[in-house]
Amino acid sequence: MADKSIEEQVIIKLQEARKLARYMSSTEDLVEEQINKARERGDFDNLEGAGKPLSFEENPFEPPELRMVLKILKDNDFVPYWIDLGKEVDADLKKFWDEVEYFKKYTRLFYREKHGKMALERFNKKKAHFYYEQRLLMENINRKITDFNLHCPTFRLGRANIKVDDEMYKVISQVEQIIEEALQGKKTE
């Protein structure tokens, strides 16, 4: 009996959604129709600035009292903190993945040849240190993203925080996959 009432509620909600969708599409059609009629009447002919390029010099969203200050800052190549921080985050992410690629190449080169116990121990220490350093770098990037989001003027420009454990899992999986493939290749030889 309870299932039936849920089904009925779902059907009612669907009908309401259909009515809203019809209304919205009819409103869109109405607006488009009005624009076409105005165009046919010539209401858009001889508008001020017709045929001239649009000027994006003024930001309509900035407060008028700050326009002069912002223009001076822009003319002197000043960039807001959050924009610089966003560039820094991008550079740090690139550095992170470049270092991962470099270590993967190093791992491939190391496992091309047979090594003794001491060399394997040194490699494993280096690998553990690499993982540790990359985790610190990723956590630092995450802090910068949080700072970026706090200073960013609108949430739409914000960035999603990085799941450090997930990213490190990807890195570790990639490196360990290279090691496993190298060891498999040596067993077949």
N, C-alpha and C. Protein backbone atom coordinates (compact mmCIF):
# COMPACT_ATOMS: atom_id res chain seq x y z
N MET A 1 0.82 -1.19 0.00
CA MET A 1 0.00 0.00 0.00
C MET A 1 0.87 1.27 0.00
N ALA A 2 1.96 1.21 0.80
CA ALA A 2 2.85 2.36 0.87
C ALA A 2 3.57 2.59 -0.45
N ASP A 3 3.89 1.48 -1.17
CA ASP A 3 4.56 1.60 -2.47
C ASP A 3 3.67 2.33 -3.47
N LYS A 4 2.39 2.04 -3.40
CA LYS A 4 1.45 2.65 -4.33
C LYS A 4 1.39 4.16 -4.12
N SER A 5 1.42 4.59 -2.89
CA SER A 5 1.35 6.02 -2.63
C SER A 5 2.63 6.71 -3.13
N ILE A 6 3.77 6.05 -3.02
CA ILE A 6 5.01 6.61 -3.55
C ILE A 6 4.93 6.71 -5.07
N GLU A 7 4.39 5.66 -5.70
CA GLU A 7 4.23 5.69 -7.16
C GLU A 7 3.30 6.82 -7.57
N GLU A 8 2.23 6.99 -6.83
CA GLU A 8 1.29 8.07 -7.14
C GLU A 8 1.97 9.43 -6.98
N GLN A 9 2.79 9.57 -5.94
CA GLN A 9 3.50 10.84 -5.74
C GLN A 9 4.47 11.11 -6.87
N VAL A 10 5.15 10.07 -7.33
CA VAL A 10 6.07 10.22 -8.45
C VAL A 10 5.32 10.65 -9.70
N ILE A 11 4.17 10.04 -9.96
CA ILE A 11 3.37 10.39 -11.15
C ILE A 11 2.91 11.84 -11.07
N ILE A 12 2.48 12.28 -9.89
CA ILE A 12 2.04 13.67 -9.71
C ILE A 12 3.21 14.62 -9.98
N LYS A 13 4.39 14.30 -9.42
CA LYS A 13 5.57 15.14 -9.63
C LYS A 13 5.95 15.21 -11.12
N LEU A 14 5.85 14.08 -11.81
CA LEU A 14 6.14 14.05 -13.25
C LEU A 14 5.19 14.95 -14.03
N GLN A 15 3.91 14.89 -13.69
CA GLN A 15 2.93 15.73 -14.37
C GLN A 15 3.22 17.21 -14.13
N GLU A 16 3.61 17.56 -12.91
CA GLU A 16 3.94 18.95 -12.60
C GLU A 16 5.18 19.38 -13.39
N ALA A 17 6.16 18.48 -13.47
CA ALA A 17 7.38 18.79 -14.22
C ALA A 17 7.09 18.99 -15.70
N ARG A 18 6.18 18.17 -16.26
CA ARG A 18 5.81 18.32 -17.67
C ARG A 18 5.15 19.67 -17.91
N LYS A 19 4.25 20.07 -16.99
CA LYS A 19 3.58 21.37 -17.13
C LYS A 19 4.59 22.50 -17.11
N LEU A 20 5.55 22.43 -16.20
CA LEU A 20 6.58 23.45 -16.10
C LEU A 20 7.43 23.47 -17.37
N ALA A 21 7.78 22.31 -17.88
CA ALA A 21 8.60 22.23 -19.10
C ALA A 21 7.85 22.84 -20.28
N ARG A 22 6.54 22.54 -20.39
CA ARG A 22 5.74 23.12 -21.47
C ARG A 22 5.70 24.64 -21.34
N TYR A 23 5.50 25.13 -20.12
CA TYR A 23 5.44 26.57 -19.88
C TYR A 23 6.77 27.22 -20.25
N MET A 24 7.88 26.61 -19.81
CA MET A 24 9.19 27.19 -20.09
C MET A 24 9.47 27.22 -21.60
N SER A 25 9.14 26.14 -22.30
CA SER A 25 9.39 26.12 -23.74
C SER A 25 8.48 27.11 -24.47
N SER A 26 7.24 27.28 -23.99
CA SER A 26 6.35 28.25 -24.63
C SER A 26 6.85 29.66 -24.37
N THR A 27 7.41 29.93 -23.18
CA THR A 27 7.96 31.24 -22.87
C THR A 27 9.15 31.53 -23.76
N GLU A 28 10.00 30.53 -23.95
CA GLU A 28 11.16 30.69 -24.83
C GLU A 28 10.70 30.99 -26.25
N ASP A 29 9.70 30.26 -26.71
CA ASP A 29 9.17 30.50 -28.05
C ASP A 29 8.58 31.90 -28.16
N LEU A 30 7.90 32.35 -27.11
CA LEU A 30 7.30 33.67 -27.10
C LEU A 30 8.36 34.76 -27.21
N VAL A 31 9.42 34.63 -26.45
CA VAL A 31 10.51 35.62 -26.49
C VAL A 31 11.15 35.62 -27.86
N GLU A 32 11.41 34.45 -28.39
CA GLU A 32 12.02 34.37 -29.71
C GLU A 32 11.11 34.98 -30.77
N GLU A 33 9.84 34.74 -30.65
CA GLU A 33 8.87 35.31 -31.59
C GLU A 33 8.87 36.84 -31.51
N GLN A 34 8.92 37.39 -30.30
CA GLN A 34 8.95 38.85 -30.13
C GLN A 34 10.22 39.44 -30.75
N ILE A 35 11.35 38.76 -30.56
CA ILE A 35 12.60 39.24 -31.15
C ILE A 35 12.52 39.24 -32.67
N ASN A 36 11.97 38.17 -33.24
CA ASN A 36 11.85 38.09 -34.70
C ASN A 36 10.93 39.18 -35.25
N LYS A 37 9.81 39.46 -34.54
CA LYS A 37 8.89 40.52 -34.98
C LYS A 37 9.58 41.87 -34.93
N ALA A 38 10.35 42.12 -33.86
CA ALA A 38 11.06 43.39 -33.74
C ALA A 38 12.09 43.53 -34.85
N ARG A 39 12.76 42.46 -35.19
CA ARG A 39 13.75 42.47 -36.27
C ARG A 39 13.07 42.80 -37.60
N GLU A 40 11.90 42.18 -37.85
CA GLU A 40 11.16 42.42 -39.10
C GLU A 40 10.68 43.86 -39.19
N ARG A 41 10.26 44.44 -38.05
CA ARG A 41 9.81 45.83 -38.04
C ARG A 41 10.97 46.79 -38.21
N GLY A 42 12.18 46.32 -38.00
CA GLY A 42 13.36 47.18 -38.14
C GLY A 42 13.75 47.85 -36.84
N ASP A 43 13.27 47.36 -35.71
CA ASP A 43 13.60 47.96 -34.42
C ASP A 43 15.09 47.87 -34.09
N PHE A 44 15.79 46.95 -34.69
CA PHE A 44 17.21 46.79 -34.41
C PHE A 44 18.10 47.51 -35.43
N ASP A 45 17.47 48.15 -36.42
CA ASP A 45 18.23 48.89 -37.41
C ASP A 45 18.68 50.22 -36.80
N ASN A 46 19.83 50.69 -37.21
CA ASN A 46 20.36 51.99 -36.80
C ASN A 46 20.52 52.13 -35.29
N LEU A 47 20.89 51.07 -34.63
CA LEU A 47 21.17 51.16 -33.20
C LEU A 47 22.52 51.84 -33.00
N GLU A 48 22.68 52.50 -31.87
CA GLU A 48 23.94 53.17 -31.57
C GLU A 48 25.07 52.14 -31.51
N GLY A 49 26.12 52.38 -32.25
CA GLY A 49 27.27 51.48 -32.24
C GLY A 49 27.13 50.31 -33.20
N ALA A 50 26.09 50.31 -34.04
CA ALA A 50 25.89 49.20 -34.97
C ALA A 50 27.07 49.13 -35.94
N GLY A 51 27.58 47.93 -36.16
CA GLY A 51 28.68 47.72 -37.08
C GLY A 51 30.06 47.99 -36.50
N LYS A 52 30.09 48.47 -35.25
CA LYS A 52 31.37 48.74 -34.59
C LYS A 52 31.69 47.60 -33.65
N PRO A 53 32.98 47.35 -33.44
CA PRO A 53 33.33 46.26 -32.50
C PRO A 53 32.90 46.60 -31.07
N LEU A 54 32.58 45.58 -30.33
CA LEU A 54 32.19 45.77 -28.94
C LEU A 54 33.41 46.14 -28.11
N SER A 55 33.20 47.02 -27.15
CA SER A 55 34.29 47.43 -26.28
C SER A 55 34.16 46.68 -24.96
N PHE A 56 35.21 45.95 -24.63
CA PHE A 56 35.21 45.20 -23.38
C PHE A 56 36.13 45.86 -22.35
N GLU A 57 36.44 47.13 -22.58
CA GLU A 57 37.32 47.84 -21.67
C GLU A 57 36.69 48.01 -20.29
N GLU A 58 35.41 48.32 -20.27
CA GLU A 58 34.73 48.52 -19.00
C GLU A 58 34.05 47.24 -18.56
N ASN A 59 34.21 46.94 -17.31
CA ASN A 59 33.54 45.78 -16.73
C ASN A 59 32.24 46.27 -16.12
N PRO A 60 31.10 45.85 -16.65
CA PRO A 60 29.83 46.34 -16.11
C PRO A 60 29.55 45.87 -14.68
N PHE A 61 30.30 44.90 -14.21
CA PHE A 61 30.05 44.35 -12.88
C PHE A 61 30.92 45.00 -11.80
N GLU A 62 31.90 45.81 -12.20
CA GLU A 62 32.72 46.44 -11.18
C GLU A 62 32.05 47.71 -10.68
N PRO A 63 32.20 47.99 -9.41
CA PRO A 63 31.57 49.21 -8.86
C PRO A 63 32.17 50.46 -9.51
N PRO A 64 31.35 51.43 -9.84
CA PRO A 64 31.85 52.65 -10.51
C PRO A 64 32.94 53.37 -9.71
N GLU A 65 32.85 53.33 -8.38
CA GLU A 65 33.83 54.03 -7.56
C GLU A 65 35.21 53.36 -7.60
N LEU A 66 35.29 52.11 -8.07
CA LEU A 66 36.57 51.40 -8.13
C LEU A 66 37.16 51.36 -9.54
N ARG A 67 36.43 51.89 -10.52
CA ARG A 67 36.89 51.79 -11.91
C ARG A 67 38.27 52.41 -12.12
N MET A 68 38.48 53.60 -11.59
CA MET A 68 39.75 54.28 -11.79
C MET A 68 40.89 53.50 -11.12
N VAL A 69 40.66 53.03 -9.92
CA VAL A 69 41.68 52.26 -9.19
C VAL A 69 42.03 50.99 -9.96
N LEU A 70 41.01 50.27 -10.41
CA LEU A 70 41.23 49.01 -11.13
C LEU A 70 41.93 49.27 -12.47
N LYS A 71 41.59 50.39 -13.12
CA LYS A 71 42.25 50.72 -14.40
C LYS A 71 43.73 50.99 -14.17
N ILE A 72 44.05 51.74 -13.12
CA ILE A 72 45.46 52.03 -12.80
C ILE A 72 46.21 50.73 -12.52
N LEU A 73 45.60 49.85 -11.73
CA LEU A 73 46.24 48.57 -11.42
C LEU A 73 46.45 47.75 -12.69
N LYS A 74 45.44 47.72 -13.55
CA LYS A 74 45.53 46.94 -14.79
C LYS A 74 46.60 47.52 -15.71
N ASP A 75 46.65 48.85 -15.83
CA ASP A 75 47.65 49.49 -16.69
C ASP A 75 49.07 49.24 -16.22
N ASN A 76 49.24 48.97 -14.93
CA ASN A 76 50.56 48.71 -14.37
C ASN A 76 50.83 47.22 -14.16
N ASP A 77 50.08 46.41 -14.88
CA ASP A 77 50.24 44.95 -14.87
C ASP A 77 50.08 44.33 -13.49
N PHE A 78 49.26 44.94 -12.65
CA PHE A 78 48.96 44.33 -11.36
C PHE A 78 47.86 43.30 -11.57
N VAL A 79 48.05 42.16 -10.96
CA VAL A 79 47.07 41.09 -11.08
C VAL A 79 46.56 40.78 -9.67
N PRO A 80 45.25 40.58 -9.52
CA PRO A 80 44.73 40.22 -8.20
C PRO A 80 45.40 38.96 -7.66
N TYR A 81 45.49 38.88 -6.35
CA TYR A 81 46.15 37.78 -5.66
C TYR A 81 45.61 36.43 -6.11
N TRP A 82 44.31 36.31 -6.23
CA TRP A 82 43.72 35.00 -6.54
C TRP A 82 44.08 34.53 -7.94
N ILE A 83 44.29 35.45 -8.87
CA ILE A 83 44.69 35.06 -10.23
C ILE A 83 46.13 34.54 -10.21
N ASP A 84 47.01 35.25 -9.50
CA ASP A 84 48.39 34.77 -9.35
C ASP A 84 48.42 33.41 -8.67
N LEU A 85 47.59 33.26 -7.66
CA LEU A 85 47.52 31.99 -6.93
C LEU A 85 47.04 30.86 -7.84
N GLY A 86 46.08 31.15 -8.71
CA GLY A 86 45.60 30.15 -9.66
C GLY A 86 46.71 29.71 -10.61
N LYS A 87 47.52 30.67 -11.07
CA LYS A 87 48.65 30.34 -11.94
C LYS A 87 49.67 29.49 -11.19
N GLU A 88 49.87 29.82 -9.91
CA GLU A 88 50.80 29.06 -9.08
C GLU A 88 50.32 27.62 -8.90
N VAL A 89 49.01 27.45 -8.69
CA VAL A 89 48.44 26.11 -8.55
C VAL A 89 48.67 25.31 -9.84
N ASP A 90 48.41 25.95 -10.97
CA ASP A 90 48.62 25.27 -12.26
C ASP A 90 50.08 24.86 -12.44
N ALA A 91 50.99 25.76 -12.10
CA ALA A 91 52.42 25.46 -12.23
C ALA A 91 52.82 24.32 -11.28
N ASP A 92 52.30 24.35 -10.05
CA ASP A 92 52.62 23.28 -9.09
C ASP A 92 52.07 21.93 -9.54
N LEU A 93 50.87 21.92 -10.10
CA LEU A 93 50.31 20.66 -10.60
C LEU A 93 51.15 20.12 -11.76
N LYS A 94 51.58 21.02 -12.64
CA LYS A 94 52.43 20.59 -13.75
C LYS A 94 53.75 20.02 -13.21
N LYS A 95 54.32 20.72 -12.23
CA LYS A 95 55.57 20.26 -11.62
C LYS A 95 55.37 18.89 -10.99
N PHE A 96 54.26 18.71 -10.29
CA PHE A 96 53.95 17.42 -9.65
C PHE A 96 53.95 16.30 -10.68
N TRP A 97 53.18 16.47 -11.76
CA TRP A 97 53.07 15.40 -12.76
C TRP A 97 54.36 15.24 -13.56
N ASP A 98 55.12 16.31 -13.76
CA ASP A 98 56.43 16.19 -14.42
C ASP A 98 57.38 15.35 -13.57
N GLU A 99 57.36 15.59 -12.25
CA GLU A 99 58.22 14.81 -11.36
C GLU A 99 57.78 13.34 -11.32
N VAL A 100 56.48 13.10 -11.39
CA VAL A 100 55.99 11.71 -11.43
C VAL A 100 56.51 11.03 -12.69
N GLU A 101 56.40 11.72 -13.82
CA GLU A 101 56.89 11.14 -15.08
C GLU A 101 58.39 10.89 -15.03
N TYR A 102 59.13 11.82 -14.45
CA TYR A 102 60.58 11.66 -14.32
C TYR A 102 60.91 10.43 -13.46
N PHE A 103 60.19 10.27 -12.34
CA PHE A 103 60.47 9.12 -11.47
C PHE A 103 60.07 7.81 -12.15
N LYS A 104 59.01 7.85 -12.94
CA LYS A 104 58.63 6.63 -13.68
C LYS A 104 59.72 6.25 -14.68
N LYS A 105 60.31 7.24 -15.35
CA LYS A 105 61.41 6.96 -16.28
C LYS A 105 62.61 6.40 -15.51
N TYR A 106 62.91 7.01 -14.36
CA TYR A 106 64.01 6.53 -13.53
C TYR A 106 63.77 5.08 -13.11
N THR A 107 62.54 4.77 -12.75
CA THR A 107 62.19 3.41 -12.33
C THR A 107 62.39 2.42 -13.48
N ARG A 108 61.95 2.81 -14.66
CA ARG A 108 62.13 1.94 -15.84
C ARG A 108 63.63 1.69 -16.09
N LEU A 109 64.41 2.75 -16.03
CA LEU A 109 65.85 2.61 -16.25
C LEU A 109 66.49 1.74 -15.18
N PHE A 110 66.09 1.93 -13.94
CA PHE A 110 66.66 1.16 -12.84
C PHE A 110 66.38 -0.33 -13.02
N TYR A 111 65.17 -0.66 -13.40
CA TYR A 111 64.80 -2.08 -13.50
C TYR A 111 65.18 -2.73 -14.82
N ARG A 112 65.81 -1.99 -15.70
CA ARG A 112 66.29 -2.60 -16.95
C ARG A 112 67.45 -3.56 -16.66
N GLU A 113 68.19 -3.25 -15.63
CA GLU A 113 69.36 -4.08 -15.30
C GLU A 113 69.14 -4.76 -13.96
N LYS A 114 69.91 -5.80 -13.74
CA LYS A 114 69.84 -6.51 -12.47
C LYS A 114 70.69 -5.76 -11.44
N HIS A 115 70.15 -5.66 -10.20
CA HIS A 115 70.85 -4.93 -9.15
C HIS A 115 70.95 -5.80 -7.90
N GLY A 116 71.96 -5.50 -7.11
CA GLY A 116 72.16 -6.22 -5.86
C GLY A 116 71.23 -5.72 -4.77
N LYS A 117 71.35 -6.34 -3.61
CA LYS A 117 70.49 -6.03 -2.48
C LYS A 117 70.65 -4.57 -2.03
N MET A 118 71.86 -4.08 -1.98
CA MET A 118 72.11 -2.70 -1.54
C MET A 118 71.46 -1.69 -2.50
N ALA A 119 71.60 -1.93 -3.78
CA ALA A 119 71.02 -1.02 -4.78
C ALA A 119 69.50 -1.02 -4.67
N LEU A 120 68.91 -2.21 -4.46
CA LEU A 120 67.45 -2.29 -4.30
C LEU A 120 67.00 -1.56 -3.03
N GLU A 121 67.78 -1.68 -1.96
CA GLU A 121 67.43 -0.96 -0.73
C GLU A 121 67.50 0.55 -0.95
N ARG A 122 68.55 1.01 -1.65
CA ARG A 122 68.66 2.45 -1.94
C ARG A 122 67.50 2.91 -2.81
N PHE A 123 67.14 2.10 -3.81
CA PHE A 123 66.01 2.46 -4.67
C PHE A 123 64.72 2.53 -3.86
N ASN A 124 64.49 1.55 -2.99
CA ASN A 124 63.26 1.55 -2.19
C ASN A 124 63.20 2.75 -1.25
N LYS A 125 64.36 3.15 -0.69
CA LYS A 125 64.39 4.35 0.15
C LYS A 125 64.09 5.59 -0.69
N LYS A 126 64.68 5.63 -1.87
CA LYS A 126 64.44 6.76 -2.76
C LYS A 126 62.96 6.82 -3.17
N LYS A 127 62.38 5.65 -3.43
CA LYS A 127 60.97 5.58 -3.81
C LYS A 127 60.09 6.06 -2.65
N ALA A 128 60.37 5.61 -1.44
CA ALA A 128 59.59 6.02 -0.26
C ALA A 128 59.72 7.54 -0.06
N HIS A 129 60.93 8.06 -0.23
CA HIS A 129 61.14 9.50 -0.10
C HIS A 129 60.38 10.26 -1.19
N PHE A 130 60.39 9.73 -2.40
CA PHE A 130 59.65 10.34 -3.51
C PHE A 130 58.17 10.41 -3.18
N TYR A 131 57.60 9.30 -2.70
CA TYR A 131 56.18 9.28 -2.34
C TYR A 131 55.89 10.31 -1.25
N TYR A 132 56.77 10.39 -0.26
CA TYR A 132 56.60 11.33 0.84
C TYR A 132 56.63 12.78 0.32
N GLU A 133 57.61 13.08 -0.52
CA GLU A 133 57.75 14.43 -1.07
C GLU A 133 56.54 14.79 -1.95
N GLN A 134 56.09 13.85 -2.74
CA GLN A 134 54.95 14.12 -3.62
C GLN A 134 53.68 14.34 -2.80
N ARG A 135 53.51 13.60 -1.73
CA ARG A 135 52.34 13.81 -0.85
C ARG A 135 52.39 15.21 -0.26
N LEU A 136 53.57 15.65 0.21
CA LEU A 136 53.71 17.00 0.77
C LEU A 136 53.38 18.06 -0.29
N LEU A 137 53.89 17.84 -1.50
CA LEU A 137 53.61 18.78 -2.59
C LEU A 137 52.12 18.84 -2.88
N MET A 138 51.47 17.68 -2.93
CA MET A 138 50.04 17.63 -3.22
C MET A 138 49.24 18.30 -2.10
N GLU A 139 49.63 18.09 -0.85
CA GLU A 139 48.94 18.74 0.27
C GLU A 139 49.12 20.26 0.21
N ASN A 140 50.31 20.71 -0.20
CA ASN A 140 50.56 22.13 -0.36
C ASN A 140 49.69 22.71 -1.48
N ILE A 141 49.58 21.99 -2.58
CA ILE A 141 48.72 22.42 -3.69
C ILE A 141 47.28 22.52 -3.20
N ASN A 142 46.85 21.57 -2.41
CA ASN A 142 45.49 21.57 -1.89
C ASN A 142 45.25 22.81 -1.01
N ARG A 143 46.24 23.17 -0.19
CA ARG A 143 46.11 24.37 0.64
C ARG A 143 46.00 25.62 -0.23
N LYS A 144 46.78 25.65 -1.31
CA LYS A 144 46.71 26.79 -2.22
C LYS A 144 45.35 26.87 -2.91
N ILE A 145 44.78 25.71 -3.25
CA ILE A 145 43.45 25.70 -3.87
C ILE A 145 42.41 26.24 -2.88
N THR A 146 42.52 25.84 -1.63
CA THR A 146 41.60 26.37 -0.61
C THR A 146 41.75 27.88 -0.49
N ASP A 147 42.99 28.36 -0.46
CA ASP A 147 43.26 29.79 -0.39
C ASP A 147 42.70 30.49 -1.63
N PHE A 148 42.91 29.90 -2.78
CA PHE A 148 42.37 30.44 -4.04
C PHE A 148 40.86 30.59 -3.94
N ASN A 149 40.19 29.53 -3.49
CA ASN A 149 38.73 29.55 -3.39
C ASN A 149 38.25 30.61 -2.40
N LEU A 150 39.01 30.84 -1.35
CA LEU A 150 38.62 31.86 -0.37
C LEU A 150 38.77 33.28 -0.93
N HIS A 151 39.74 33.49 -1.81
CA HIS A 151 39.98 34.83 -2.36
C HIS A 151 39.26 35.07 -3.68
N CYS A 152 38.83 34.02 -4.33
CA CYS A 152 38.17 34.12 -5.63
C CYS A 152 36.84 34.86 -5.46
N PRO A 153 36.55 35.85 -6.30
CA PRO A 153 35.34 36.66 -6.10
C PRO A 153 34.03 35.94 -6.38
N THR A 154 34.06 34.85 -7.08
CA THR A 154 32.82 34.12 -7.38
C THR A 154 33.07 32.62 -7.29
N PHE A 155 32.09 31.91 -6.80
CA PHE A 155 32.25 30.47 -6.62
C PHE A 155 32.36 29.74 -7.95
N ARG A 156 31.86 30.32 -9.01
CA ARG A 156 31.91 29.65 -10.32
C ARG A 156 33.35 29.48 -10.81
N LEU A 157 34.22 30.38 -10.37
CA LEU A 157 35.62 30.31 -10.78
C LEU A 157 36.45 29.45 -9.84
N GLY A 158 35.84 28.99 -8.76
CA GLY A 158 36.56 28.19 -7.78
C GLY A 158 37.03 26.86 -8.36
N ARG A 159 37.92 26.24 -7.63
CA ARG A 159 38.48 24.95 -8.06
C ARG A 159 38.15 23.88 -7.04
N ALA A 160 37.98 22.70 -7.54
CA ALA A 160 37.73 21.57 -6.63
C ALA A 160 39.02 21.19 -5.93
N ASN A 161 38.91 20.91 -4.65
CA ASN A 161 40.09 20.46 -3.92
C ASN A 161 40.50 19.08 -4.41
N ILE A 162 41.77 18.79 -4.25
CA ILE A 162 42.33 17.53 -4.70
C ILE A 162 42.21 16.52 -3.57
N LYS A 163 41.83 15.32 -3.94
CA LYS A 163 41.82 14.23 -2.96
C LYS A 163 43.22 13.63 -2.97
N VAL A 164 44.00 14.05 -2.00
CA VAL A 164 45.42 13.69 -1.96
C VAL A 164 45.61 12.18 -1.97
N ASP A 165 44.83 11.47 -1.17
CA ASP A 165 44.98 10.01 -1.12
C ASP A 165 44.70 9.37 -2.47
N ASP A 166 43.68 9.88 -3.18
CA ASP A 166 43.36 9.33 -4.50
C ASP A 166 44.48 9.59 -5.50
N GLU A 167 45.02 10.83 -5.49
CA GLU A 167 46.11 11.16 -6.41
C GLU A 167 47.36 10.34 -6.10
N MET A 168 47.66 10.19 -4.82
CA MET A 168 48.84 9.40 -4.44
C MET A 168 48.63 7.93 -4.80
N TYR A 169 47.41 7.45 -4.68
CA TYR A 169 47.12 6.07 -5.08
C TYR A 169 47.42 5.90 -6.57
N LYS A 170 47.02 6.88 -7.39
CA LYS A 170 47.31 6.82 -8.83
C LYS A 170 48.82 6.76 -9.08
N VAL A 171 49.55 7.65 -8.39
CA VAL A 171 51.00 7.71 -8.59
C VAL A 171 51.65 6.39 -8.17
N ILE A 172 51.32 5.93 -6.97
CA ILE A 172 51.91 4.69 -6.46
C ILE A 172 51.55 3.52 -7.37
N SER A 173 50.30 3.47 -7.82
CA SER A 173 49.88 2.38 -8.72
C SER A 173 50.69 2.40 -10.01
N GLN A 174 50.91 3.58 -10.57
CA GLN A 174 51.65 3.68 -11.82
C GLN A 174 53.10 3.21 -11.64
N VAL A 175 53.73 3.67 -10.56
CA VAL A 175 55.13 3.28 -10.32
C VAL A 175 55.22 1.79 -10.04
N GLU A 176 54.35 1.29 -9.18
CA GLU A 176 54.38 -0.14 -8.85
C GLU A 176 54.06 -1.00 -10.06
N GLN A 177 53.22 -0.51 -10.95
CA GLN A 177 52.91 -1.24 -12.19
C GLN A 177 54.17 -1.36 -13.05
N ILE A 178 54.94 -0.30 -13.12
CA ILE A 178 56.20 -0.34 -13.88
C ILE A 178 57.15 -1.37 -13.29
N ILE A 179 57.25 -1.38 -11.96
CA ILE A 179 58.13 -2.34 -11.27
C ILE A 179 57.66 -3.76 -11.53
N GLU A 180 56.35 -3.96 -11.41
CA GLU A 180 55.79 -5.31 -11.62
C GLU A 180 56.03 -5.80 -13.05
N GLU A 181 55.84 -4.91 -14.02
CA GLU A 181 56.07 -5.29 -15.41
C GLU A 181 57.54 -5.60 -15.65
N ALA A 182 58.42 -4.84 -15.03
CA ALA A 182 59.86 -5.08 -15.20
C ALA A 182 60.25 -6.42 -14.59
N LEU A 183 59.69 -6.72 -13.44
CA LEU A 183 60.00 -8.01 -12.78
C LEU A 183 59.42 -9.18 -13.57
N GLN A 184 58.23 -8.98 -14.15
CA GLN A 184 57.61 -10.02 -14.97
C GLN A 184 58.47 -10.28 -16.22
N GLY A 185 58.99 -9.18 -16.80
CA GLY A 185 59.83 -9.31 -17.98
C GLY A 185 61.13 -10.05 -17.68
N LYS A 186 61.68 -9.87 -16.49
CA LYS A 186 62.93 -10.54 -16.12
C LYS A 186 62.69 -12.02 -15.85
N LYS A 187 61.48 -12.37 -15.36
CA LYS A 187 61.17 -13.77 -15.10
C LYS A 187 61.06 -14.56 -16.39
N THR A 188 60.56 -13.90 -17.45
CA THR A 188 60.38 -14.60 -18.73
C THR A 188 61.69 -14.77 -19.48
N GLU A 189 62.71 -13.98 -19.10
CA GLU A 189 64.01 -14.08 -19.81
C GLU A 189 64.79 -15.28 -19.41
